[in-house]
Amino acid sequence: MSEPPVGIVANPASGKDIRRLVAHGSTFDNNEKINIVRRVLLGLEATGVEQVRFMPDTYAIVERAAASLELRLDLYPLPMPVLGNPGDSEEEARRLAVLGAGCIVTLGGDGTNRVVAKGCGDVPLVPISTGTNNVFPRMVEGTVAGLAAGLVATRRVSADHVVVRRPRLDVLLDGEVKDLALIDVVTSRQGFVGSRALWDPAHLKEIVLSRIASAEIGMAALGGLLFPEACGGSSDAHILIGIDRADGEESPLVQRVLAPLAPGLIRRVPVAAARRLEMGEAVELRQESCVVALDGEREFEVLRSDHHLRVILNPLGPRVVDIDATLQAGATVGAFNVGTAIHR
């Protein structure tokens, strides 16, 4: 029986949002994504992967990456329509799950991985950072990512030992599941989705985090600065943002936190209340009209104050390959041994 395929989701739109204008985010152009995918493919081939399936994106990232290579593995586009929106990545992930993919390599930020997580089921992810908010994916060399994905997909390393389950945030509107987030759910005082990205603390109302980390950009950093003792572990938080009065005076606050909300954009955030959450805990958000942002991007509007908005911290989020542990395990079982053994 042939090995399961490896999927590649390379989002051509990641790393190009408005935070390049309002902040100082670097641009991840598609030519660099081509270079990363080229190295991923070489890593996959070196570990014995036989087949790679990919989304035929509007920039042909994977096809261009493979054009200069003489690959032995089979490379096939998925037979799917390409609409040029986030639904493409979700649909590809869903199709890869149906095909029984052994692993999916993603190129994007938190937003790209969020939509992939909605479709991939239990297929392990190897997320490579090429976005703006990059708390979920890693800034990792494509060659190394390809080697790790290949070792897991070919089962030369047991997924039971190197794949970890990450939590997610389930968003319920009036009792029905509306969407999910991987890192943060934020309600905004703005009345419309607009340019999607969040960067102004004056627009923030409430934040629910699935991860607390001080050395990150975005809302996860705010959690890490409020709860430094919780960084690096499995901890989560609910934060209420203070409201500025019309006369310029702030409402009573717990503290003011200087936080990096976007690349190069460090702002004082007025915090009215903050607490840590338990896994499985549900957070009832204030019943006010708002816009809901997921993983740094505004996604939908809640137009009436009588809507009921709830966020549940769910431990059963996407499965993610621990790259360091995978390569170490691969070396331990001799996956990289090709010649005479070294005698010590």
Protein backbone atom coordinates (compact mmCIF):
# COMPACT_ATOMS: atom_id res chain seq x y z
CA MET A 1 0.00 0.00 0.00
CA SER A 2 1.38 3.43 -0.92
CA GLU A 3 2.20 5.99 1.74
CA PRO A 4 -0.41 8.68 2.53
CA PRO A 5 0.09 11.97 0.68
CA VAL A 6 1.43 15.14 2.23
CA GLY A 7 -0.59 18.30 1.67
CA ILE A 8 0.79 21.80 1.12
CA VAL A 9 -1.35 24.88 1.81
CA ALA A 10 0.54 27.97 0.62
CA ASN A 11 -1.65 31.04 1.10
CA PRO A 12 -0.71 33.68 -1.50
CA ALA A 13 -2.52 36.40 0.50
CA SER A 14 -0.75 35.91 3.84
CA GLY A 15 1.66 38.58 5.06
CA LYS A 16 0.12 41.40 3.05
CA ASP A 17 -2.64 43.00 5.13
CA ILE A 18 -3.16 46.63 6.23
CA ARG A 19 -0.70 46.30 9.11
CA ARG A 20 2.00 47.04 6.53
CA LEU A 21 0.48 50.55 6.37
CA VAL A 22 -0.67 51.25 9.95
CA ALA A 23 2.26 49.44 11.61
CA HIS A 24 5.64 48.18 10.41
CA GLY A 25 4.94 44.61 9.37
CA SER A 26 7.31 43.05 6.87
CA THR A 27 5.90 41.77 3.60
CA PHE A 28 6.19 38.07 2.82
CA ASP A 29 6.05 38.16 -0.96
CA ASN A 30 5.05 35.13 -2.97
CA ASN A 31 8.52 34.66 -4.44
CA GLU A 32 9.85 33.97 -0.96
CA LYS A 33 6.99 31.51 -0.40
CA ILE A 34 8.07 29.75 -3.60
CA ASN A 35 11.58 29.44 -2.19
CA ILE A 36 10.23 28.02 1.09
CA VAL A 37 8.00 25.49 -0.69
CA ARG A 38 10.95 24.42 -2.86
CA ARG A 39 12.92 23.55 0.27
CA VAL A 40 9.90 21.83 1.83
CA LEU A 41 9.56 19.62 -1.25
CA LEU A 42 13.22 18.64 -1.09
CA GLY A 43 12.86 17.75 2.59
CA LEU A 44 9.76 15.66 1.88
CA GLU A 45 11.48 13.78 -0.93
CA ALA A 46 14.55 13.05 1.20
CA THR A 47 12.38 11.26 3.76
CA GLY A 48 10.69 9.05 1.18
CA VAL A 49 7.38 10.85 0.65
CA GLU A 50 5.83 9.52 -2.56
CA GLN A 51 3.01 11.97 -3.21
CA VAL A 52 2.24 15.63 -2.49
CA ARG A 53 -1.19 17.18 -3.04
CA PHE A 54 -1.67 20.94 -3.09
CA MET A 55 -4.17 23.71 -3.69
CA PRO A 56 -3.87 25.25 -7.20
CA ASP A 57 -3.61 28.82 -5.84
CA THR A 58 -3.88 31.96 -7.96
CA TYR A 59 -0.10 32.54 -7.92
CA ALA A 60 0.84 28.89 -8.66
CA ILE A 61 3.24 28.85 -5.70
CA VAL A 62 3.77 25.09 -5.55
CA GLU A 63 4.01 24.63 -9.35
CA ARG A 64 6.64 27.37 -9.59
CA ALA A 65 8.57 25.91 -6.67
CA ALA A 66 8.72 22.51 -8.36
CA ALA A 67 9.51 23.82 -11.84
CA SER A 68 13.29 24.01 -11.24
CA LEU A 69 13.50 20.68 -9.41
CA GLU A 70 13.81 17.13 -10.67
CA LEU A 71 11.57 15.48 -8.14
CA ARG A 72 10.91 11.76 -7.89
CA LEU A 73 7.77 12.22 -5.83
CA ASP A 74 4.40 12.73 -7.53
CA LEU A 75 2.99 16.24 -7.31
CA TYR A 76 -0.74 16.71 -7.95
CA PRO A 77 -3.06 19.71 -7.66
CA LEU A 78 -6.35 19.00 -5.91
CA PRO A 79 -9.33 19.06 -8.29
CA MET A 80 -11.12 22.02 -6.71
CA PRO A 81 -12.31 25.48 -7.70
CA VAL A 82 -10.09 28.36 -6.60
CA LEU A 83 -12.00 31.48 -5.54
CA GLY A 84 -9.11 33.48 -4.12
CA ASN A 85 -10.58 33.72 -0.60
CA PRO A 86 -9.93 32.00 2.77
CA GLY A 87 -12.44 29.31 1.90
CA ASP A 88 -9.90 27.86 -0.56
CA SER A 89 -7.57 26.82 2.27
CA GLU A 90 -10.41 25.34 4.31
CA GLU A 91 -11.69 23.35 1.33
CA GLU A 92 -8.20 22.05 0.55
CA ALA A 93 -7.72 20.94 4.15
CA ARG A 94 -11.07 19.16 4.09
CA ARG A 95 -10.19 17.32 0.88
CA LEU A 96 -6.77 16.35 2.22
CA ALA A 97 -8.42 14.91 5.33
CA VAL A 98 -10.75 12.82 3.13
CA LEU A 99 -7.72 11.57 1.18
CA GLY A 100 -6.11 10.41 4.42
CA ALA A 101 -3.16 12.82 4.24
CA GLY A 102 -0.34 11.98 6.63
CA CYS A 103 0.52 15.61 7.27
CA ILE A 104 -0.26 19.13 6.01
CA VAL A 105 2.41 21.83 5.67
CA THR A 106 0.96 25.34 5.87
CA LEU A 107 2.50 28.66 4.84
CA GLY A 108 0.68 31.55 6.47
CA GLY A 109 -0.07 33.21 9.78
CA ASP A 110 -2.64 32.61 12.51
CA GLY A 111 -5.50 33.39 10.11
CA THR A 112 -4.40 30.86 7.48
CA ASN A 113 -3.96 28.14 10.07
CA ARG A 114 -7.34 28.93 11.59
CA VAL A 115 -9.19 28.17 8.35
CA VAL A 116 -7.05 25.07 7.74
CA ALA A 117 -7.89 23.84 11.26
CA LYS A 118 -11.58 24.14 10.41
CA GLY A 119 -11.19 21.54 7.66
CA CYS A 120 -8.25 19.27 8.48
CA GLY A 121 -9.77 17.20 11.28
CA ASP A 122 -7.01 15.20 12.99
CA VAL A 123 -4.43 15.48 10.20
CA PRO A 124 -1.21 16.79 11.82
CA LEU A 125 -0.05 20.27 10.79
CA VAL A 126 3.44 21.66 10.20
CA PRO A 127 2.78 25.43 10.24
CA ILE A 128 5.48 27.68 8.73
CA SER A 129 5.22 31.36 9.62
CA THR A 130 4.64 33.66 6.62
CA GLY A 131 1.88 35.89 8.03
CA THR A 132 1.46 38.98 10.22
CA ASN A 133 0.27 37.42 13.48
CA ASN A 134 2.38 34.29 13.91
CA VAL A 135 1.68 32.88 17.35
CA PHE A 136 0.44 29.52 16.07
CA PRO A 137 2.99 28.85 13.27
CA ARG A 138 6.76 28.68 13.73
CA MET A 139 9.45 30.71 12.02
CA VAL A 140 11.25 27.60 10.79
CA GLU A 141 13.49 26.76 7.84
CA GLY A 142 11.49 25.06 5.07
CA THR A 143 13.99 22.23 4.71
CA VAL A 144 13.61 21.28 8.36
CA ALA A 145 9.84 21.57 8.19
CA GLY A 146 9.78 19.29 5.14
CA LEU A 147 11.96 16.69 6.88
CA ALA A 148 9.70 16.68 9.95
CA ALA A 149 6.51 16.46 7.88
CA GLY A 150 7.98 13.62 5.85
CA LEU A 151 9.05 11.60 8.90
CA VAL A 152 5.53 11.81 10.35
CA ALA A 153 3.72 11.16 7.05
CA THR A 154 5.83 8.10 6.20
CA ARG A 155 5.42 6.83 9.77
CA ARG A 156 9.18 6.54 10.23
CA VAL A 157 8.51 8.46 13.43
CA SER A 158 5.42 7.67 15.48
CA ALA A 159 2.95 10.57 15.57
CA ASP A 160 1.95 9.44 19.07
CA HIS A 161 5.31 10.69 20.37
CA VAL A 162 5.83 13.91 18.41
CA VAL A 163 2.39 15.34 17.59
CA VAL A 164 0.76 17.56 20.22
CA ARG A 165 -2.86 18.66 20.52
CA ARG A 166 -3.36 22.43 20.72
CA PRO A 167 -6.49 24.03 22.22
CA ARG A 168 -8.94 26.12 20.24
CA LEU A 169 -11.61 28.69 21.04
CA ASP A 170 -15.14 27.79 19.94
CA VAL A 171 -17.34 30.84 19.29
CA LEU A 172 -21.08 30.35 19.85
CA LEU A 173 -23.74 32.84 18.79
CA ASP A 174 -27.16 32.27 20.37
CA GLY A 175 -26.13 28.75 21.32
CA GLU A 176 -24.96 27.68 17.85
CA VAL A 177 -21.31 27.26 16.85
CA LYS A 178 -20.45 30.24 14.65
CA ASP A 179 -16.69 29.86 14.17
CA LEU A 180 -13.43 29.07 15.91
CA ALA A 181 -10.09 30.69 16.69
CA LEU A 182 -6.70 29.23 17.52
CA ILE A 183 -5.19 32.05 19.58
CA ASP A 184 -7.64 34.84 20.38
CA VAL A 185 -11.24 36.01 20.15
CA VAL A 186 -11.68 39.77 20.42
CA THR A 187 -14.79 41.95 20.40
CA SER A 188 -14.37 45.39 18.85
CA ARG A 189 -16.30 48.62 19.31
CA GLN A 190 -16.15 49.20 15.56
CA GLY A 191 -19.49 48.61 13.84
CA PHE A 192 -18.28 46.90 10.68
CA VAL A 193 -15.65 44.42 9.50
CA GLY A 194 -13.85 46.88 7.21
CA SER A 195 -10.11 46.34 6.81
CA ARG A 196 -10.30 43.30 9.16
CA ALA A 197 -7.03 43.75 11.09
CA LEU A 198 -6.97 45.06 14.69
CA TRP A 199 -4.35 47.54 15.85
CA ASP A 200 -6.02 50.34 17.89
CA PRO A 201 -6.63 49.61 21.62
CA ALA A 202 -9.44 52.20 21.64
CA HIS A 203 -11.51 49.77 19.57
CA LEU A 204 -11.04 46.75 21.86
CA LYS A 205 -13.71 45.53 24.30
CA GLU A 206 -13.05 41.96 25.43
CA ILE A 207 -10.34 39.39 24.70
CA VAL A 208 -10.33 35.63 25.22
CA LEU A 209 -6.97 33.90 24.77
CA SER A 210 -6.11 30.25 24.23
CA ARG A 211 -2.43 30.95 24.82
CA ILE A 212 -0.43 33.24 27.09
CA ALA A 213 2.98 34.26 25.73
CA SER A 214 4.96 37.42 26.44
CA ALA A 215 7.39 37.14 23.51
CA GLU A 216 4.75 37.42 20.77
CA ILE A 217 3.01 40.11 18.73
CA GLY A 218 -0.71 40.72 19.22
CA MET A 219 -3.24 39.80 21.89
CA ALA A 220 -1.29 36.76 23.16
CA ALA A 221 1.47 39.19 24.19
CA LEU A 222 -1.02 41.15 26.30
CA GLY A 223 -1.89 37.96 28.18
CA GLY A 224 1.78 37.23 28.75
CA LEU A 225 2.42 40.70 30.14
CA LEU A 226 -0.53 40.40 32.53
CA PHE A 227 0.26 36.83 33.63
CA PRO A 228 4.03 36.33 33.23
CA GLU A 229 3.98 33.33 35.54
CA ALA A 230 1.70 31.49 33.07
CA CYS A 231 3.91 31.86 29.99
CA GLY A 232 5.06 28.65 28.35
CA GLY A 233 2.42 26.46 29.95
CA SER A 234 -1.14 25.51 29.14
CA SER A 235 -2.85 28.69 30.36
CA ASP A 236 -5.53 30.96 28.98
CA ALA A 237 -7.17 34.25 29.88
CA HIS A 238 -10.19 36.54 29.66
CA ILE A 239 -9.41 40.28 29.55
CA LEU A 240 -11.77 43.28 29.80
CA ILE A 241 -10.45 46.47 28.21
CA GLY A 242 -11.04 49.79 29.97
CA ILE A 243 -13.17 52.43 28.25
CA ASP A 244 -11.96 55.99 27.67
CA ARG A 245 -14.45 58.64 28.76
CA ALA A 246 -15.37 61.54 26.52
CA ASP A 247 -13.39 63.94 28.75
CA GLY A 248 -10.24 61.93 28.18
CA GLU A 249 -10.22 60.33 31.62
CA GLU A 250 -10.11 56.56 31.73
CA SER A 251 -12.53 54.39 33.65
CA PRO A 252 -11.25 52.67 36.83
CA LEU A 253 -8.56 50.22 35.79
CA VAL A 254 -6.59 47.34 37.17
CA GLN A 255 -3.52 48.48 35.25
CA ARG A 256 -2.21 49.94 32.03
CA VAL A 257 -0.07 47.62 29.92
CA LEU A 258 2.39 48.63 27.23
CA ALA A 259 1.89 45.88 24.64
CA PRO A 260 3.11 45.16 21.07
CA LEU A 261 -0.24 44.89 19.26
CA ALA A 262 1.31 44.71 15.77
CA PRO A 263 4.86 44.74 14.35
CA GLY A 264 6.51 47.95 15.55
CA LEU A 265 3.20 49.16 17.05
CA ILE A 266 3.49 49.37 20.85
CA ARG A 267 0.46 50.85 22.59
CA ARG A 268 -0.75 51.44 26.14
CA VAL A 269 -3.75 49.18 26.70
CA PRO A 270 -6.12 50.09 29.55
CA VAL A 271 -7.11 46.87 31.32
CA ALA A 272 -10.21 46.93 33.51
CA ALA A 273 -10.13 43.27 34.58
CA ALA A 274 -8.26 40.07 33.74
CA ARG A 275 -8.43 36.46 34.88
CA ARG A 276 -7.06 33.10 33.85
CA LEU A 277 -9.33 30.37 32.49
CA GLU A 278 -9.63 26.65 33.03
CA MET A 279 -9.69 24.23 30.09
CA GLY A 280 -13.29 23.70 28.98
CA GLU A 281 -14.48 26.89 30.65
CA ALA A 282 -17.09 29.01 28.86
CA VAL A 283 -16.86 32.82 28.81
CA GLU A 284 -20.05 34.84 28.43
CA LEU A 285 -19.19 38.03 26.54
CA ARG A 286 -21.07 41.25 27.18
CA GLN A 287 -24.36 41.53 25.33
CA GLU A 288 -23.57 44.55 23.19
CA SER A 289 -23.43 45.09 19.46
CA CYS A 290 -19.87 44.53 18.28
CA VAL A 291 -17.58 43.09 15.64
CA VAL A 292 -15.91 39.77 16.48
CA ALA A 293 -12.28 39.29 15.45
CA LEU A 294 -10.68 35.85 15.31
CA ASP A 295 -6.90 35.46 15.45
CA GLY A 296 -6.31 39.12 14.73
CA GLU A 297 -8.83 39.67 11.94
CA ARG A 298 -12.41 40.95 12.18
CA GLU A 299 -14.71 38.25 10.83
CA PHE A 300 -18.37 38.95 11.60
CA GLU A 301 -20.73 41.55 13.07
CA VAL A 302 -23.11 41.15 15.99
CA LEU A 303 -25.66 43.82 15.17
CA ARG A 304 -28.09 43.50 18.08
CA SER A 305 -27.37 43.74 21.79
CA ASP A 306 -29.79 40.90 22.54
CA HIS A 307 -27.56 38.34 20.79
CA HIS A 308 -25.86 35.86 23.11
CA LEU A 309 -22.11 35.47 22.48
CA ARG A 310 -20.10 32.77 24.23
CA VAL A 311 -16.52 31.49 23.86
CA ILE A 312 -15.51 28.01 25.04
CA LEU A 313 -11.90 26.98 25.59
CA ASN A 314 -11.83 23.60 23.84
CA PRO A 315 -8.84 21.27 24.40
CA LEU A 316 -9.54 19.39 21.15
CA GLY A 317 -7.96 21.80 18.69
CA PRO A 318 -5.63 20.93 15.80
CA ARG A 319 -2.78 18.44 16.08
CA VAL A 320 0.65 20.00 15.47
CA VAL A 321 3.99 18.36 14.74
CA ASP A 322 6.74 19.19 17.23
CA ILE A 323 9.54 19.69 14.71
CA ASP A 324 12.42 19.47 17.19
CA ALA A 325 11.07 16.29 18.78
CA THR A 326 10.41 14.75 15.36
CA LEU A 327 13.95 15.26 14.07
CA GLN A 328 15.41 13.99 17.32
CA ALA A 329 13.17 10.91 17.16
CA GLY A 330 14.12 10.39 13.52
CA ALA A 331 17.81 10.41 14.40
CA THR A 332 17.18 8.02 17.29
CA VAL A 333 15.50 5.40 15.07
CA GLY A 334 18.14 5.78 12.35
CA ALA A 335 15.98 7.54 9.78
CA PHE A 336 18.97 9.58 8.60
CA ASN A 337 21.52 6.76 8.52
CA VAL A 338 22.64 6.04 4.96
CA GLY A 339 26.20 4.76 5.28
CA THR A 340 28.67 3.05 7.58
CA ALA A 341 27.82 3.37 11.24
CA ILE A 342 29.99 5.62 13.40
CA HIS A 343 31.73 3.57 16.13
CA ARG A 344 32.22 5.25 19.48
